[in-house]
């Protein structure tokens, strides 16, 4: 029975990710973000359960990647897509401008590539190479909430912000599959950057709550660029 517990948690991750997509297309972005956070919780505990119960399996590994791409790739991409469609419709865009929202789905595509790369890269046992997909998802979910609260987006003059969103989607898609080393929060000991990361996160969460993940993930990326010697 215990060998089914990790996969059950992974399926709950997938189910929560599907609900996030539904909420995104209903334009309930806060609920969509909430389900992404719930998926992240299930994703954390399925790996913890697999290690604690020694219940690793090839099926579990593939299922985990599938669930993660839905929850941390398709769901945030859907949030961004739906918001950009709202902006395009409110501004009466047509032609090439009306196609810009579809760029959001490169996030889902590159999240899948990132997961496939992770599954076959033996260098990523204690740290990451490229931006982890949950971190990317939290950035985009928070970013959508931030844009939603800018009333000017539904008026004339929204085009530069939409172009910025498209540029960021391309940049973060590249970060997912880049060769940039990034530290793992699962390895709480031995990396001097982790205490600084959490110290920086606390005031941001207190000030911005759910919107704080935009600066938090940027802080994580910048801190990952700092090379440090590991403690023994």
C-alpha atoms as a PDB file:
ATOM      1  CA  UNK A   1       0.000   0.000   0.000  1.00  0.00           C
ATOM      2  CA  UNK A   2       2.774   2.431   0.914  1.00  0.00           C
ATOM      3  CA  UNK A   3       4.266   2.319  -2.591  1.00  0.00           C
ATOM      4  CA  UNK A   4       1.101   3.970  -3.921  1.00  0.00           C
ATOM      5  CA  UNK A   5       1.287   6.980  -1.578  1.00  0.00           C
ATOM      6  CA  UNK A   6       3.851   9.014  -3.601  1.00  0.00           C
ATOM      7  CA  UNK A   7       1.960   8.437  -6.867  1.00  0.00           C
ATOM      8  CA  UNK A   8      -1.309   9.407  -5.190  1.00  0.00           C
ATOM      9  CA  UNK A   9       0.245  12.689  -4.106  1.00  0.00           C
ATOM     10  CA  UNK A  10       1.558  13.206  -7.648  1.00  0.00           C
ATOM     11  CA  UNK A  11      -1.942  12.627  -9.039  1.00  0.00           C
ATOM     12  CA  UNK A  12      -3.275  15.226  -6.603  1.00  0.00           C
ATOM     13  CA  UNK A  13      -0.620  17.594  -7.954  1.00  0.00           C
ATOM     14  CA  UNK A  14      -1.882  16.912 -11.487  1.00  0.00           C
ATOM     15  CA  UNK A  15      -5.545  17.307 -10.470  1.00  0.00           C
ATOM     16  CA  UNK A  16      -4.797  20.608  -8.766  1.00  0.00           C
ATOM     17  CA  UNK A  17      -2.931  21.793 -11.862  1.00  0.00           C
ATOM     18  CA  UNK A  18      -5.943  20.962 -14.038  1.00  0.00           C
ATOM     19  CA  UNK A  19      -8.174  22.990 -11.712  1.00  0.00           C
ATOM     20  CA  UNK A  20      -5.723  25.879 -12.020  1.00  0.00           C
ATOM     21  CA  UNK A  21      -6.134  25.805 -15.813  1.00  0.00           C
ATOM     22  CA  UNK A  22      -9.928  25.860 -15.442  1.00  0.00           C
ATOM     23  CA  UNK A  23      -9.742  28.820 -13.063  1.00  0.00           C
ATOM     24  CA  UNK A  24      -7.442  30.663 -15.479  1.00  0.00           C
ATOM     25  CA  UNK A  25      -9.923  30.330 -18.341  1.00  0.00           C
ATOM     26  CA  UNK A  26     -12.655  31.547 -15.978  1.00  0.00           C
ATOM     27  CA  UNK A  27     -10.439  34.608 -15.299  1.00  0.00           C
ATOM     28  CA  UNK A  28     -10.244  33.758 -11.597  1.00  0.00           C
ATOM     29  CA  UNK A  29      -6.502  34.281 -11.379  1.00  0.00           C
ATOM     30  CA  UNK A  30      -6.259  34.227  -7.602  1.00  0.00           C
ATOM     31  CA  UNK A  31      -7.882  30.795  -7.490  1.00  0.00           C
ATOM     32  CA  UNK A  32      -5.611  29.656 -10.335  1.00  0.00           C
ATOM     33  CA  UNK A  33      -2.588  30.806  -8.332  1.00  0.00           C
ATOM     34  CA  UNK A  34      -3.948  29.065  -5.248  1.00  0.00           C
ATOM     35  CA  UNK A  35      -4.156  25.745  -7.079  1.00  0.00           C
ATOM     36  CA  UNK A  36      -0.581  26.185  -8.352  1.00  0.00           C
ATOM     37  CA  UNK A  37       0.539  26.674  -4.748  1.00  0.00           C
ATOM     38  CA  UNK A  38      -1.412  23.545  -3.784  1.00  0.00           C
ATOM     39  CA  UNK A  39       0.291  21.642  -6.609  1.00  0.00           C
ATOM     40  CA  UNK A  40       3.672  22.813  -5.311  1.00  0.00           C
ATOM     41  CA  UNK A  41       2.751  21.459  -1.880  1.00  0.00           C
ATOM     42  CA  UNK A  42       1.793  18.060  -3.302  1.00  0.00           C
ATOM     43  CA  UNK A  43       4.961  18.088  -5.440  1.00  0.00           C
ATOM     44  CA  UNK A  44       7.091  18.643  -2.348  1.00  0.00           C
ATOM     45  CA  UNK A  45       5.448  15.868  -0.371  1.00  0.00           C
ATOM     46  CA  UNK A  46       5.395  13.248  -3.141  1.00  0.00           C
ATOM     47  CA  UNK A  47       9.198  13.379  -3.349  1.00  0.00           C
ATOM     48  CA  UNK A  48       9.465  13.390   0.439  1.00  0.00           C
ATOM     49  CA  UNK A  49       7.155  10.372   0.675  1.00  0.00           C
ATOM     50  CA  UNK A  50       9.033   8.496  -2.062  1.00  0.00           C
ATOM     51  CA  UNK A  51      12.329   8.948  -0.209  1.00  0.00           C
ATOM     52  CA  UNK A  52      10.888   8.183   3.233  1.00  0.00           C
ATOM     53  CA  UNK A  53       9.059   5.051   2.049  1.00  0.00           C
ATOM     54  CA  UNK A  54      11.740   3.998  -0.446  1.00  0.00           C
ATOM     55  CA  UNK A  55       8.981   3.859  -3.045  1.00  0.00           C
ATOM     56  CA  UNK A  56      10.765   5.160  -6.145  1.00  0.00           C
ATOM     57  CA  UNK A  57       9.597   3.783  -9.490  1.00  0.00           C
ATOM     58  CA  UNK A  58      10.032   4.570 -13.218  1.00  0.00           C
ATOM     59  CA  UNK A  59       6.278   5.153 -13.477  1.00  0.00           C
ATOM     60  CA  UNK A  60       6.397   7.599 -10.578  1.00  0.00           C
ATOM     61  CA  UNK A  61       9.216   9.534 -12.238  1.00  0.00           C
ATOM     62  CA  UNK A  62       7.320   9.865 -15.528  1.00  0.00           C
ATOM     63  CA  UNK A  63       4.059  10.678 -13.759  1.00  0.00           C
ATOM     64  CA  UNK A  64       5.793  13.375 -11.731  1.00  0.00           C
ATOM     65  CA  UNK A  65       7.110  15.073 -14.866  1.00  0.00           C
ATOM     66  CA  UNK A  66       3.683  14.950 -16.515  1.00  0.00           C
ATOM     67  CA  UNK A  67       2.013  16.448 -13.439  1.00  0.00           C
ATOM     68  CA  UNK A  68       4.673  19.138 -13.126  1.00  0.00           C
ATOM     69  CA  UNK A  69       4.310  20.227 -16.747  1.00  0.00           C
ATOM     70  CA  UNK A  70       0.557  20.650 -16.305  1.00  0.00           C
ATOM     71  CA  UNK A  71       0.761  22.353 -12.906  1.00  0.00           C
ATOM     72  CA  UNK A  72       3.896  24.433 -13.470  1.00  0.00           C
ATOM     73  CA  UNK A  73       3.894  24.780 -17.260  1.00  0.00           C
ATOM     74  CA  UNK A  74       0.399  24.706 -18.744  1.00  0.00           C
ATOM     75  CA  UNK A  75      -1.326  26.343 -15.746  1.00  0.00           C
ATOM     76  CA  UNK A  76       0.836  29.508 -15.528  1.00  0.00           C
ATOM     77  CA  UNK A  77       0.943  29.718 -19.339  1.00  0.00           C
ATOM     78  CA  UNK A  78      -2.869  29.604 -19.362  1.00  0.00           C
ATOM     79  CA  UNK A  79      -3.028  32.379 -16.775  1.00  0.00           C
ATOM     80  CA  UNK A  80      -0.792  34.622 -18.866  1.00  0.00           C
ATOM     81  CA  UNK A  81      -2.582  33.701 -22.108  1.00  0.00           C
ATOM     82  CA  UNK A  82      -6.034  34.477 -20.712  1.00  0.00           C
ATOM     83  CA  UNK A  83      -4.937  37.815 -19.285  1.00  0.00           C
ATOM     84  CA  UNK A  84      -3.257  38.850 -22.551  1.00  0.00           C
ATOM     85  CA  UNK A  85      -6.390  37.839 -24.489  1.00  0.00           C
ATOM     86  CA  UNK A  86      -8.455  40.044 -22.183  1.00  0.00           C
ATOM     87  CA  UNK A  87      -6.095  42.943 -22.863  1.00  0.00           C
ATOM     88  CA  UNK A  88      -6.154  42.334 -26.631  1.00  0.00           C
ATOM     89  CA  UNK A  89      -9.952  42.199 -26.705  1.00  0.00           C
ATOM     90  CA  UNK A  90     -10.337  45.288 -24.502  1.00  0.00           C
ATOM     91  CA  UNK A  91      -8.050  47.243 -26.815  1.00  0.00           C
ATOM     92  CA  UNK A  92      -9.637  45.912 -30.008  1.00  0.00           C
ATOM     93  CA  UNK A  93      -6.431  44.429 -31.364  1.00  0.00           C
ATOM     94  CA  UNK A  94      -6.451  42.464 -34.605  1.00  0.00           C
ATOM     95  CA  UNK A  95      -3.908  40.935 -36.942  1.00  0.00           C
ATOM     96  CA  UNK A  96      -0.411  40.264 -35.550  1.00  0.00           C
ATOM     97  CA  UNK A  97      -1.167  41.967 -32.230  1.00  0.00           C
ATOM     98  CA  UNK A  98      -4.036  39.568 -31.572  1.00  0.00           C
ATOM     99  CA  UNK A  99      -1.609  36.648 -31.911  1.00  0.00           C
ATOM    100  CA  UNK A 100       0.751  37.861 -29.176  1.00  0.00           C
ATOM    101  CA  UNK A 101      -1.121  36.085 -26.311  1.00  0.00           C
ATOM    102  CA  UNK A 102      -0.264  32.695 -27.841  1.00  0.00           C
ATOM    103  CA  UNK A 103       3.427  33.281 -27.098  1.00  0.00           C
ATOM    104  CA  UNK A 104       2.485  32.517 -23.467  1.00  0.00           C
ATOM    105  CA  UNK A 105       2.406  28.815 -24.277  1.00  0.00           C
ATOM    106  CA  UNK A 106       6.158  28.715 -24.919  1.00  0.00           C
ATOM    107  CA  UNK A 107       6.294  28.583 -21.105  1.00  0.00           C
ATOM    108  CA  UNK A 108       4.539  25.196 -21.174  1.00  0.00           C
ATOM    109  CA  UNK A 109       6.738  23.915 -24.009  1.00  0.00           C
ATOM    110  CA  UNK A 110      10.029  24.889 -22.363  1.00  0.00           C
ATOM    111  CA  UNK A 111       8.812  23.606 -18.989  1.00  0.00           C
ATOM    112  CA  UNK A 112       8.394  20.186 -20.624  1.00  0.00           C
ATOM    113  CA  UNK A 113      11.893  20.446 -22.110  1.00  0.00           C
ATOM    114  CA  UNK A 114      13.279  21.461 -18.703  1.00  0.00           C
ATOM    115  CA  UNK A 115      11.661  18.448 -17.022  1.00  0.00           C
ATOM    116  CA  UNK A 116      12.918  16.049 -19.684  1.00  0.00           C
ATOM    117  CA  UNK A 117      16.401  17.513 -19.333  1.00  0.00           C
ATOM    118  CA  UNK A 118      16.270  17.184 -15.547  1.00  0.00           C
ATOM    119  CA  UNK A 119      15.230  13.523 -15.747  1.00  0.00           C
ATOM    120  CA  UNK A 120      18.269  12.672 -17.844  1.00  0.00           C
ATOM    121  CA  UNK A 121      20.893  14.964 -16.315  1.00  0.00           C
ATOM    122  CA  UNK A 122      22.988  13.297 -13.614  1.00  0.00           C
ATOM    123  CA  UNK A 123      24.532  16.658 -12.660  1.00  0.00           C
ATOM    124  CA  UNK A 124      21.344  17.826 -10.930  1.00  0.00           C
ATOM    125  CA  UNK A 125      21.283  15.610  -7.857  1.00  0.00           C
ATOM    126  CA  UNK A 126      21.931  18.317  -5.222  1.00  0.00           C
ATOM    127  CA  UNK A 127      21.370  21.502  -7.223  1.00  0.00           C
ATOM    128  CA  UNK A 128      19.763  22.655 -10.467  1.00  0.00           C
ATOM    129  CA  UNK A 129      21.015  23.644 -13.881  1.00  0.00           C
ATOM    130  CA  UNK A 130      18.498  26.085 -15.275  1.00  0.00           C
ATOM    131  CA  UNK A 131      15.470  27.588 -13.561  1.00  0.00           C
ATOM    132  CA  UNK A 132      13.293  24.961 -11.788  1.00  0.00           C
ATOM    133  CA  UNK A 133       9.758  24.758 -13.208  1.00  0.00           C
ATOM    134  CA  UNK A 134       7.978  25.407  -9.853  1.00  0.00           C
ATOM    135  CA  UNK A 135       9.946  28.643  -9.420  1.00  0.00           C
ATOM    136  CA  UNK A 136       9.054  29.675 -12.975  1.00  0.00           C
ATOM    137  CA  UNK A 137       5.378  28.909 -12.331  1.00  0.00           C
ATOM    138  CA  UNK A 138       5.305  30.969  -9.145  1.00  0.00           C
ATOM    139  CA  UNK A 139       6.869  33.903 -10.987  1.00  0.00           C
ATOM    140  CA  UNK A 140       4.231  33.853 -13.722  1.00  0.00           C
ATOM    141  CA  UNK A 141       1.265  33.305 -11.438  1.00  0.00           C
ATOM    142  CA  UNK A 142       2.407  36.241  -9.305  1.00  0.00           C
ATOM    143  CA  UNK A 143       3.138  38.320 -12.416  1.00  0.00           C
ATOM    144  CA  UNK A 144      -0.413  37.824 -13.716  1.00  0.00           C
ATOM    145  CA  UNK A 145      -1.879  38.927 -10.377  1.00  0.00           C
ATOM    146  CA  UNK A 146       0.350  41.995 -10.496  1.00  0.00           C
ATOM    147  CA  UNK A 147      -0.773  42.937 -14.012  1.00  0.00           C
ATOM    148  CA  UNK A 148      -4.405  42.279 -13.190  1.00  0.00           C
ATOM    149  CA  UNK A 149      -4.316  45.134 -10.702  1.00  0.00           C
ATOM    150  CA  UNK A 150      -3.100  47.654 -13.296  1.00  0.00           C
ATOM    151  CA  UNK A 151      -6.295  49.230 -14.704  1.00  0.00           C
ATOM    152  CA  UNK A 152      -4.415  50.890 -17.575  1.00  0.00           C
ATOM    153  CA  UNK A 153      -3.936  47.453 -19.149  1.00  0.00           C
ATOM    154  CA  UNK A 154      -7.562  47.409 -20.251  1.00  0.00           C
ATOM    155  CA  UNK A 155      -7.171  50.815 -21.870  1.00  0.00           C
ATOM    156  CA  UNK A 156      -5.169  52.249 -24.728  1.00  0.00           C
ATOM    157  CA  UNK A 157      -1.439  52.144 -24.123  1.00  0.00           C
ATOM    158  CA  UNK A 158      -1.225  48.535 -22.943  1.00  0.00           C
ATOM    159  CA  UNK A 159       0.897  47.427 -25.912  1.00  0.00           C
ATOM    160  CA  UNK A 160       4.327  48.104 -24.315  1.00  0.00           C
ATOM    161  CA  UNK A 161       3.393  46.029 -21.250  1.00  0.00           C
ATOM    162  CA  UNK A 162       2.195  43.188 -23.466  1.00  0.00           C
ATOM    163  CA  UNK A 163       5.480  43.308 -25.379  1.00  0.00           C
ATOM    164  CA  UNK A 164       7.306  43.213 -22.029  1.00  0.00           C
ATOM    165  CA  UNK A 165       5.285  40.132 -21.043  1.00  0.00           C
ATOM    166  CA  UNK A 166       6.157  38.400 -24.311  1.00  0.00           C
ATOM    167  CA  UNK A 167       9.844  39.270 -23.902  1.00  0.00           C
ATOM    168  CA  UNK A 168       9.816  37.933 -20.325  1.00  0.00           C
ATOM    169  CA  UNK A 169       8.115  34.729 -21.491  1.00  0.00           C
ATOM    170  CA  UNK A 170      10.923  34.175 -23.980  1.00  0.00           C
ATOM    171  CA  UNK A 171      13.604  35.082 -21.430  1.00  0.00           C
ATOM    172  CA  UNK A 172      12.262  32.781 -18.729  1.00  0.00           C
ATOM    173  CA  UNK A 173      11.772  29.975 -21.254  1.00  0.00           C
ATOM    174  CA  UNK A 174      15.471  30.264 -22.034  1.00  0.00           C
ATOM    175  CA  UNK A 175      16.323  30.297 -18.319  1.00  0.00           C
ATOM    176  CA  UNK A 176      14.471  26.985 -17.901  1.00  0.00           C
ATOM    177  CA  UNK A 177      16.826  25.167 -20.288  1.00  0.00           C
ATOM    178  CA  UNK A 178      19.942  27.284 -19.707  1.00  0.00           C
ATOM    179  CA  UNK A 179      23.196  25.966 -18.273  1.00  0.00           C
ATOM    180  CA  UNK A 180      23.085  28.409 -15.349  1.00  0.00           C
ATOM    181  CA  UNK A 181      23.642  26.589 -12.007  1.00  0.00           C
ATOM    182  CA  UNK A 182      20.951  27.379  -9.428  1.00  0.00           C
ATOM    183  CA  UNK A 183      20.884  26.295  -5.803  1.00  0.00           C
ATOM    184  CA  UNK A 184      18.284  23.927  -4.381  1.00  0.00           C
ATOM    185  CA  UNK A 185      16.253  24.760  -1.279  1.00  0.00           C
ATOM    186  CA  UNK A 186      16.068  21.035  -0.528  1.00  0.00           C
ATOM    187  CA  UNK A 187      19.745  21.170   0.425  1.00  0.00           C
ATOM    188  CA  UNK A 188      19.364  23.468   3.430  1.00  0.00           C
ATOM    189  CA  UNK A 189      22.866  22.789   4.742  1.00  0.00           C
ATOM    190  CA  UNK A 190      26.130  23.670   3.083  1.00  0.00           C
ATOM    191  CA  UNK A 191      25.091  26.570   0.830  1.00  0.00           C
ATOM    192  CA  UNK A 192      25.756  30.031   2.271  1.00  0.00           C
ATOM    193  CA  UNK A 193      23.294  31.665  -0.119  1.00  0.00           C
ATOM    194  CA  UNK A 194      20.209  29.986   1.339  1.00  0.00           C
ATOM    195  CA  UNK A 195      20.036  32.047   4.592  1.00  0.00           C
ATOM    196  CA  UNK A 196      20.354  35.254   2.540  1.00  0.00           C
ATOM    197  CA  UNK A 197      17.589  34.035   0.255  1.00  0.00           C
ATOM    198  CA  UNK A 198      15.137  33.485   3.115  1.00  0.00           C
ATOM    199  CA  UNK A 199      16.098  36.777   4.784  1.00  0.00           C
ATOM    200  CA  UNK A 200      15.267  38.572   1.539  1.00  0.00           C
ATOM    201  CA  UNK A 201      11.992  36.683   1.089  1.00  0.00           C
ATOM    202  CA  UNK A 202      10.445  37.551   4.469  1.00  0.00           C
ATOM    203  CA  UNK A 203       9.911  41.295   3.957  1.00  0.00           C
ATOM    204  CA  UNK A 204       8.761  40.743   0.369  1.00  0.00           C
ATOM    205  CA  UNK A 205       6.103  38.255   1.472  1.00  0.00           C
ATOM    206  CA  UNK A 206       4.997  40.566   4.280  1.00  0.00           C
ATOM    207  CA  UNK A 207       4.622  43.520   1.911  1.00  0.00           C
ATOM    208  CA  UNK A 208       3.265  41.920  -1.261  1.00  0.00           C
ATOM    209  CA  UNK A 209       1.828  38.498  -0.204  1.00  0.00           C
ATOM    210  CA  UNK A 210       0.953  36.529  -3.376  1.00  0.00           C
ATOM    211  CA  UNK A 211       2.491  39.156  -5.656  1.00  0.00           C
ATOM    212  CA  UNK A 212       5.818  38.804  -3.851  1.00  0.00           C
ATOM    213  CA  UNK A 213       6.934  35.860  -5.987  1.00  0.00           C
ATOM    214  CA  UNK A 214       7.923  38.159  -8.858  1.00  0.00           C
ATOM    215  CA  UNK A 215      10.721  39.822  -6.831  1.00  0.00           C
ATOM    216  CA  UNK A 216      11.400  36.599  -4.888  1.00  0.00           C
ATOM    217  CA  UNK A 217      12.152  34.563  -8.020  1.00  0.00           C
ATOM    218  CA  UNK A 218      14.259  37.395  -9.448  1.00  0.00           C
ATOM    219  CA  UNK A 219      16.133  37.455  -6.121  1.00  0.00           C
ATOM    220  CA  UNK A 220      16.607  33.669  -6.371  1.00  0.00           C
ATOM    221  CA  UNK A 221      18.021  33.945  -9.900  1.00  0.00           C
ATOM    222  CA  UNK A 222      20.403  36.774  -8.994  1.00  0.00           C
ATOM    223  CA  UNK A 223      21.584  34.985  -5.875  1.00  0.00           C
ATOM    224  CA  UNK A 224      22.180  31.822  -7.905  1.00  0.00           C
ATOM    225  CA  UNK A 225      24.593  33.782 -10.081  1.00  0.00           C
ATOM    226  CA  UNK A 226      26.761  34.383  -7.027  1.00  0.00           C
ATOM    227  CA  UNK A 227      29.359  31.643  -6.848  1.00  0.00           C
ATOM    228  CA  UNK A 228      30.198  30.466  -3.332  1.00  0.00           C
ATOM    229  CA  UNK A 229      32.325  27.742  -1.831  1.00  0.00           C
ATOM    230  CA  UNK A 230      30.254  24.998  -0.277  1.00  0.00           C
ATOM    231  CA  UNK A 231      30.619  24.173   3.399  1.00  0.00           C
ATOM    232  CA  UNK A 232      32.006  20.756   4.160  1.00  0.00           C
END
